[in-house]
Amino acid sequence: MSPVFDFLRPELPAGLSRVVMPIVDATAATLRGYGTLVDDARDCTVEIVRWPAAGTRPVDEDTGDQAGTTEGVFVAQWQGDVLFGRNEAVGGHYILAYAVDPAVADRTHARDPARILLWHANYHPDGGQLFFPLDPAPFLVPLALPGDDVRPENFVCFRFDGGQGLYIHPGIWHEGVFSVRGTQRFFDKQGAVHARVSVDFAREFACLIEALLA
């Protein structure tokens, strides 16, 4: 049976190692294969993937991809050492990352984070996803190319200056968008089915994925 995640109480094991992600500036060239930069959210079409056939007979061409998209505001908010995400498009609320070891994370201070520590990632097999900043400021998005044999070292952390949005293709590993400080809002548009395939770095690989901000 597939796991059911408690994204607000992940109860991560102690003694996790860290795998450092490279941080790369997001450009048309560096994002090739992952997605594209978006200048205007209104001009971005979200790809919807036709449901696969269960047997040898194909799915009829005019069916299987008609659920369309859903949209809303995605909020990334640092509370002390913990980065929370809230996705109004699908009613999701998550702990996206930490700035320190989760066992000693303090949510009460207002210091800027020096790093992000990522414990989980996912991809959507049913469609792509658009994140467009409503509050123009730099942000980060960790991504990895498709494949269920994904490993922590496959992830790249893309850095955006806040003047453009990101569209990611179906099947791309990601975990929302990461503000580098405070609270940041994004327009989010994605497939309405919202199937999610997950990787749990803490339990599968006994590690967290780290990106240094300073």
C-alpha atoms as a PDB file:
ATOM      1  CA  MET A   1       0.000   0.000   0.000  1.00  0.00           C
ATOM      2  CA  SER A   2       1.322   3.451  -0.842  1.00  0.00           C
ATOM      3  CA  PRO A   3       2.107   5.754   2.116  1.00  0.00           C
ATOM      4  CA  VAL A   4      -0.233   8.469   3.336  1.00  0.00           C
ATOM      5  CA  PHE A   5       1.841  11.490   4.312  1.00  0.00           C
ATOM      6  CA  ASP A   6       1.090  13.807   7.201  1.00  0.00           C
ATOM      7  CA  PHE A   7       2.685  16.848   5.613  1.00  0.00           C
ATOM      8  CA  LEU A   8       2.266  19.050   8.689  1.00  0.00           C
ATOM      9  CA  ARG A   9       3.689  16.453  11.110  1.00  0.00           C
ATOM     10  CA  PRO A  10       6.247  14.456   9.125  1.00  0.00           C
ATOM     11  CA  GLU A  11       7.945  13.094  12.311  1.00  0.00           C
ATOM     12  CA  LEU A  12      11.269  12.704  10.564  1.00  0.00           C
ATOM     13  CA  PRO A  13      13.830  10.252  11.939  1.00  0.00           C
ATOM     14  CA  ALA A  14      16.916  11.578  13.741  1.00  0.00           C
ATOM     15  CA  GLY A  15      20.492  11.485  12.461  1.00  0.00           C
ATOM     16  CA  LEU A  16      19.767  12.324   8.835  1.00  0.00           C
ATOM     17  CA  SER A  17      22.699  13.057   6.557  1.00  0.00           C
ATOM     18  CA  ARG A  18      22.626  15.880   3.978  1.00  0.00           C
ATOM     19  CA  VAL A  19      23.015  15.822   0.203  1.00  0.00           C
ATOM     20  CA  VAL A  20      23.875  19.251  -1.203  1.00  0.00           C
ATOM     21  CA  MET A  21      21.943  20.461  -4.262  1.00  0.00           C
ATOM     22  CA  PRO A  22      23.693  22.697  -6.786  1.00  0.00           C
ATOM     23  CA  ILE A  23      21.998  26.081  -7.177  1.00  0.00           C
ATOM     24  CA  VAL A  24      21.626  27.180 -10.801  1.00  0.00           C
ATOM     25  CA  ASP A  25      20.169  30.402 -12.201  1.00  0.00           C
ATOM     26  CA  ALA A  26      16.939  29.656 -14.065  1.00  0.00           C
ATOM     27  CA  THR A  27      17.270  30.406 -17.782  1.00  0.00           C
ATOM     28  CA  ALA A  28      15.688  28.998 -20.916  1.00  0.00           C
ATOM     29  CA  ALA A  29      18.807  26.871 -21.383  1.00  0.00           C
ATOM     30  CA  THR A  30      19.192  25.537 -17.825  1.00  0.00           C
ATOM     31  CA  LEU A  31      15.469  24.696 -17.572  1.00  0.00           C
ATOM     32  CA  ARG A  32      15.432  22.715 -20.822  1.00  0.00           C
ATOM     33  CA  GLY A  33      13.757  19.358 -20.137  1.00  0.00           C
ATOM     34  CA  TYR A  34      12.316  20.549 -16.819  1.00  0.00           C
ATOM     35  CA  GLY A  35      10.039  23.341 -18.010  1.00  0.00           C
ATOM     36  CA  THR A  36      10.029  26.926 -19.235  1.00  0.00           C
ATOM     37  CA  LEU A  37      10.179  30.491 -17.982  1.00  0.00           C
ATOM     38  CA  VAL A  38       6.837  32.302 -18.162  1.00  0.00           C
ATOM     39  CA  ASP A  39       6.464  36.042 -18.776  1.00  0.00           C
ATOM     40  CA  ASP A  40       2.662  36.173 -18.578  1.00  0.00           C
ATOM     41  CA  ALA A  41       0.582  33.600 -16.693  1.00  0.00           C
ATOM     42  CA  ARG A  42      -2.336  34.191 -19.070  1.00  0.00           C
ATOM     43  CA  ASP A  43      -0.287  32.874 -21.998  1.00  0.00           C
ATOM     44  CA  CYS A  44       0.752  29.604 -20.332  1.00  0.00           C
ATOM     45  CA  THR A  45      -1.034  26.406 -21.358  1.00  0.00           C
ATOM     46  CA  VAL A  46      -0.897  23.552 -18.829  1.00  0.00           C
ATOM     47  CA  GLU A  47      -0.323  20.135 -20.419  1.00  0.00           C
ATOM     48  CA  ILE A  48      -2.860  17.477 -19.441  1.00  0.00           C
ATOM     49  CA  VAL A  49      -1.827  13.831 -19.771  1.00  0.00           C
ATOM     50  CA  ARG A  50      -4.323  11.300 -21.102  1.00  0.00           C
ATOM     51  CA  TRP A  51      -5.136   8.536 -18.644  1.00  0.00           C
ATOM     52  CA  PRO A  52      -3.287   5.331 -19.541  1.00  0.00           C
ATOM     53  CA  ALA A  53      -5.100   2.258 -20.785  1.00  0.00           C
ATOM     54  CA  ALA A  54      -5.479  -0.584 -18.295  1.00  0.00           C
ATOM     55  CA  GLY A  55      -5.022  -3.256 -20.945  1.00  0.00           C
ATOM     56  CA  THR A  56      -4.166  -3.672 -24.613  1.00  0.00           C
ATOM     57  CA  ARG A  57      -7.054  -1.619 -25.944  1.00  0.00           C
ATOM     58  CA  PRO A  58      -6.231   2.098 -26.235  1.00  0.00           C
ATOM     59  CA  VAL A  59      -8.123   4.879 -24.527  1.00  0.00           C
ATOM     60  CA  ASP A  60     -10.395   6.631 -27.049  1.00  0.00           C
ATOM     61  CA  GLU A  61      -8.707   9.770 -28.311  1.00  0.00           C
ATOM     62  CA  ASP A  62     -11.539  12.091 -27.274  1.00  0.00           C
ATOM     63  CA  THR A  63     -11.507  10.863 -23.653  1.00  0.00           C
ATOM     64  CA  GLY A  64      -9.150  10.530 -20.724  1.00  0.00           C
ATOM     65  CA  ASP A  65      -7.823  14.088 -20.629  1.00  0.00           C
ATOM     66  CA  GLN A  66     -10.965  16.112 -20.005  1.00  0.00           C
ATOM     67  CA  ALA A  67     -10.659  16.938 -16.304  1.00  0.00           C
ATOM     68  CA  GLY A  68      -8.956  20.200 -17.190  1.00  0.00           C
ATOM     69  CA  THR A  69      -7.093  22.411 -14.735  1.00  0.00           C
ATOM     70  CA  THR A  70      -7.562  23.987 -11.338  1.00  0.00           C
ATOM     71  CA  GLU A  71      -6.017  27.200 -10.074  1.00  0.00           C
ATOM     72  CA  GLY A  72      -5.516  29.253  -6.943  1.00  0.00           C
ATOM     73  CA  VAL A  73      -2.841  30.911  -4.832  1.00  0.00           C
ATOM     74  CA  PHE A  74       0.203  29.035  -3.546  1.00  0.00           C
ATOM     75  CA  VAL A  75       1.693  30.620  -0.413  1.00  0.00           C
ATOM     76  CA  ALA A  76       5.244  29.894   0.783  1.00  0.00           C
ATOM     77  CA  GLN A  77       5.792  31.191   4.312  1.00  0.00           C
ATOM     78  CA  TRP A  78       8.755  30.928   6.658  1.00  0.00           C
ATOM     79  CA  GLN A  79       7.812  30.627  10.308  1.00  0.00           C
ATOM     80  CA  GLY A  80      11.175  30.708  12.032  1.00  0.00           C
ATOM     81  CA  ASP A  81      13.104  27.647  10.842  1.00  0.00           C
ATOM     82  CA  VAL A  82      10.129  25.992   9.089  1.00  0.00           C
ATOM     83  CA  LEU A  83       8.900  26.743   5.566  1.00  0.00           C
ATOM     84  CA  PHE A  84       5.182  26.094   5.173  1.00  0.00           C
ATOM     85  CA  GLY A  85       3.347  25.829   1.869  1.00  0.00           C
ATOM     86  CA  ARG A  86      -0.376  26.274   1.264  1.00  0.00           C
ATOM     87  CA  ASN A  87      -1.884  25.420  -2.118  1.00  0.00           C
ATOM     88  CA  GLU A  88      -5.401  26.797  -2.447  1.00  0.00           C
ATOM     89  CA  ALA A  89      -5.845  25.178  -5.871  1.00  0.00           C
ATOM     90  CA  VAL A  90      -5.970  21.686  -4.325  1.00  0.00           C
ATOM     91  CA  GLY A  91      -6.541  22.429  -0.638  1.00  0.00           C
ATOM     92  CA  GLY A  92      -3.035  21.367   0.371  1.00  0.00           C
ATOM     93  CA  HIS A  93      -1.049  22.489   3.446  1.00  0.00           C
ATOM     94  CA  TYR A  94       2.505  21.267   3.956  1.00  0.00           C
ATOM     95  CA  ILE A  95       5.851  21.623   5.638  1.00  0.00           C
ATOM     96  CA  LEU A  96       8.033  22.123   2.583  1.00  0.00           C
ATOM     97  CA  ALA A  97      11.450  22.475   4.180  1.00  0.00           C
ATOM     98  CA  TYR A  98      13.516  23.422   7.210  1.00  0.00           C
ATOM     99  CA  ALA A  99      16.371  25.849   7.783  1.00  0.00           C
ATOM    100  CA  VAL A 100      18.000  23.709  10.487  1.00  0.00           C
ATOM    101  CA  ASP A 101      17.851  20.120  11.668  1.00  0.00           C
ATOM    102  CA  PRO A 102      14.110  19.407  12.090  1.00  0.00           C
ATOM    103  CA  ALA A 103      14.643  18.192  15.668  1.00  0.00           C
ATOM    104  CA  VAL A 104      15.762  21.666  16.777  1.00  0.00           C
ATOM    105  CA  ALA A 105      13.599  23.803  14.469  1.00  0.00           C
ATOM    106  CA  ASP A 106      12.246  26.932  16.182  1.00  0.00           C
ATOM    107  CA  ARG A 107       9.153  28.550  14.654  1.00  0.00           C
ATOM    108  CA  THR A 108       9.155  31.630  16.894  1.00  0.00           C
ATOM    109  CA  HIS A 109      12.030  33.793  15.553  1.00  0.00           C
ATOM    110  CA  ALA A 110      12.193  36.124  12.538  1.00  0.00           C
ATOM    111  CA  ARG A 111      15.745  35.481  11.278  1.00  0.00           C
ATOM    112  CA  ASP A 112      16.226  34.833   7.554  1.00  0.00           C
ATOM    113  CA  PRO A 113      17.065  31.191   6.730  1.00  0.00           C
ATOM    114  CA  ALA A 114      20.627  30.337   5.689  1.00  0.00           C
ATOM    115  CA  ARG A 115      19.648  27.113   3.920  1.00  0.00           C
ATOM    116  CA  ILE A 116      16.739  24.946   2.896  1.00  0.00           C
ATOM    117  CA  LEU A 117      16.541  21.305   3.925  1.00  0.00           C
ATOM    118  CA  LEU A 118      14.086  19.354   1.789  1.00  0.00           C
ATOM    119  CA  TRP A 119      12.573  16.112   3.135  1.00  0.00           C
ATOM    120  CA  HIS A 120      10.067  15.190   0.399  1.00  0.00           C
ATOM    121  CA  ALA A 121       9.333  15.729  -3.304  1.00  0.00           C
ATOM    122  CA  ASN A 122       6.656  14.631  -5.753  1.00  0.00           C
ATOM    123  CA  TYR A 123       5.548  14.706  -9.365  1.00  0.00           C
ATOM    124  CA  HIS A 124       2.158  14.830 -11.086  1.00  0.00           C
ATOM    125  CA  PRO A 125       1.601  12.209 -13.794  1.00  0.00           C
ATOM    126  CA  ASP A 126      -1.661  13.857 -14.884  1.00  0.00           C
ATOM    127  CA  GLY A 127      -0.395  17.292 -15.936  1.00  0.00           C
ATOM    128  CA  GLY A 128       2.039  20.171 -15.753  1.00  0.00           C
ATOM    129  CA  GLN A 129       2.079  23.007 -13.233  1.00  0.00           C
ATOM    130  CA  LEU A 130       2.533  26.771 -13.369  1.00  0.00           C
ATOM    131  CA  PHE A 131       3.906  28.935 -10.550  1.00  0.00           C
ATOM    132  CA  PHE A 132       3.872  32.675 -11.192  1.00  0.00           C
ATOM    133  CA  PRO A 133       4.976  35.165  -8.515  1.00  0.00           C
ATOM    134  CA  LEU A 134       2.270  37.530  -7.276  1.00  0.00           C
ATOM    135  CA  ASP A 135       4.856  39.095  -4.962  1.00  0.00           C
ATOM    136  CA  PRO A 136       7.886  39.738  -7.220  1.00  0.00           C
ATOM    137  CA  ALA A 137      10.927  38.598  -5.254  1.00  0.00           C
ATOM    138  CA  PRO A 138      13.603  35.930  -5.700  1.00  0.00           C
ATOM    139  CA  PHE A 139      12.533  32.343  -5.123  1.00  0.00           C
ATOM    140  CA  LEU A 140      13.902  28.801  -5.476  1.00  0.00           C
ATOM    141  CA  VAL A 141      12.483  25.610  -6.981  1.00  0.00           C
ATOM    142  CA  PRO A 142      14.217  22.217  -6.566  1.00  0.00           C
ATOM    143  CA  LEU A 143      13.606  19.988  -9.614  1.00  0.00           C
ATOM    144  CA  ALA A 144      14.642  16.582 -10.956  1.00  0.00           C
ATOM    145  CA  LEU A 145      13.983  14.927 -14.300  1.00  0.00           C
ATOM    146  CA  PRO A 146      11.393  12.116 -14.627  1.00  0.00           C
ATOM    147  CA  GLY A 147      11.982   8.591 -13.382  1.00  0.00           C
ATOM    148  CA  ASP A 148      10.803   6.598 -10.390  1.00  0.00           C
ATOM    149  CA  ASP A 149      14.408   5.589  -9.679  1.00  0.00           C
ATOM    150  CA  VAL A 150      15.120   9.215  -8.683  1.00  0.00           C
ATOM    151  CA  ARG A 151      17.870   9.797  -6.123  1.00  0.00           C
ATOM    152  CA  PRO A 152      18.735  12.821  -3.937  1.00  0.00           C
ATOM    153  CA  GLU A 153      21.752  13.674  -6.079  1.00  0.00           C
ATOM    154  CA  ASN A 154      19.506  14.064  -9.144  1.00  0.00           C
ATOM    155  CA  PHE A 155      17.989  17.299  -7.815  1.00  0.00           C
ATOM    156  CA  VAL A 156      18.981  20.777  -8.966  1.00  0.00           C
ATOM    157  CA  CYS A 157      17.821  23.914  -7.163  1.00  0.00           C
ATOM    158  CA  PHE A 158      16.844  26.605  -9.671  1.00  0.00           C
ATOM    159  CA  ARG A 159      17.083  30.256  -8.619  1.00  0.00           C
ATOM    160  CA  PHE A 160      14.579  32.795 -10.013  1.00  0.00           C
ATOM    161  CA  ASP A 161      14.849  36.562  -9.786  1.00  0.00           C
ATOM    162  CA  GLY A 162      11.094  36.999  -9.301  1.00  0.00           C
ATOM    163  CA  GLY A 163      10.397  38.709 -12.609  1.00  0.00           C
ATOM    164  CA  GLN A 164       9.169  35.556 -14.350  1.00  0.00           C
ATOM    165  CA  GLY A 165       7.231  32.444 -13.451  1.00  0.00           C
ATOM    166  CA  LEU A 166       7.961  28.756 -13.940  1.00  0.00           C
ATOM    167  CA  TYR A 167       6.022  26.154 -15.874  1.00  0.00           C
ATOM    168  CA  ILE A 168       7.100  22.573 -15.193  1.00  0.00           C
ATOM    169  CA  HIS A 169       6.243  19.640 -17.449  1.00  0.00           C
ATOM    170  CA  PRO A 170       4.252  16.596 -16.275  1.00  0.00           C
ATOM    171  CA  GLY A 171       6.393  14.019 -14.489  1.00  0.00           C
ATOM    172  CA  ILE A 172       8.997  16.510 -13.208  1.00  0.00           C
ATOM    173  CA  TRP A 173       9.965  16.018  -9.566  1.00  0.00           C
ATOM    174  CA  HIS A 174       9.401  19.156  -7.465  1.00  0.00           C
ATOM    175  CA  GLU A 175       8.077  20.354  -4.105  1.00  0.00           C
ATOM    176  CA  GLY A 176       6.294  23.633  -4.596  1.00  0.00           C
ATOM    177  CA  VAL A 177       8.110  26.964  -4.629  1.00  0.00           C
ATOM    178  CA  PHE A 178      10.467  28.225  -1.929  1.00  0.00           C
ATOM    179  CA  SER A 179      10.573  31.823  -0.771  1.00  0.00           C
ATOM    180  CA  VAL A 180      14.037  32.807   0.427  1.00  0.00           C
ATOM    181  CA  ARG A 181      12.592  34.826   3.324  1.00  0.00           C
ATOM    182  CA  GLY A 182       9.266  35.833   4.782  1.00  0.00           C
ATOM    183  CA  THR A 183       6.047  35.132   2.875  1.00  0.00           C
ATOM    184  CA  GLN A 184       5.580  34.989  -0.891  1.00  0.00           C
ATOM    185  CA  ARG A 185       2.463  34.304  -2.960  1.00  0.00           C
ATOM    186  CA  PHE A 186       2.253  32.640  -6.360  1.00  0.00           C
ATOM    187  CA  PHE A 187      -0.514  32.049  -8.866  1.00  0.00           C
ATOM    188  CA  ASP A 188      -0.756  28.272  -9.276  1.00  0.00           C
ATOM    189  CA  LYS A 189      -2.392  26.386 -12.146  1.00  0.00           C
ATOM    190  CA  GLN A 190      -2.229  22.607 -12.524  1.00  0.00           C
ATOM    191  CA  GLY A 191      -4.064  19.485 -13.602  1.00  0.00           C
ATOM    192  CA  ALA A 192      -7.342  19.063 -11.752  1.00  0.00           C
ATOM    193  CA  VAL A 193      -6.878  15.328 -11.121  1.00  0.00           C
ATOM    194  CA  HIS A 194      -3.821  16.114  -8.979  1.00  0.00           C
ATOM    195  CA  ALA A 195      -2.334  12.625  -8.794  1.00  0.00           C
ATOM    196  CA  ARG A 196       0.850  12.743  -6.720  1.00  0.00           C
ATOM    197  CA  VAL A 197       3.823  10.343  -6.731  1.00  0.00           C
ATOM    198  CA  SER A 198       6.193  10.914  -3.807  1.00  0.00           C
ATOM    199  CA  VAL A 199       9.768  10.377  -2.709  1.00  0.00           C
ATOM    200  CA  ASP A 200      10.550  10.563   1.018  1.00  0.00           C
ATOM    201  CA  PHE A 201      14.254  11.375   1.275  1.00  0.00           C
ATOM    202  CA  ALA A 202      14.286  11.059   5.063  1.00  0.00           C
ATOM    203  CA  ARG A 203      12.996   7.491   5.138  1.00  0.00           C
ATOM    204  CA  GLU A 204      14.083   6.144   1.751  1.00  0.00           C
ATOM    205  CA  PHE A 205      17.617   7.579   1.767  1.00  0.00           C
ATOM    206  CA  ALA A 206      18.161   8.640   5.416  1.00  0.00           C
ATOM    207  CA  CYS A 207      18.971  12.160   4.271  1.00  0.00           C
ATOM    208  CA  LEU A 208      17.725  15.679   3.694  1.00  0.00           C
ATOM    209  CA  ILE A 209      18.538  17.626   0.525  1.00  0.00           C
ATOM    210  CA  GLU A 210      20.315  20.899   1.263  1.00  0.00           C
ATOM    211  CA  ALA A 211      20.606  24.161  -0.659  1.00  0.00           C
ATOM    212  CA  LEU A 212      22.712  26.902   0.925  1.00  0.00           C
ATOM    213  CA  LEU A 213      21.223  30.381   0.602  1.00  0.00           C
ATOM    214  CA  ALA A 214      24.228  32.427   1.745  1.00  0.00           C
END
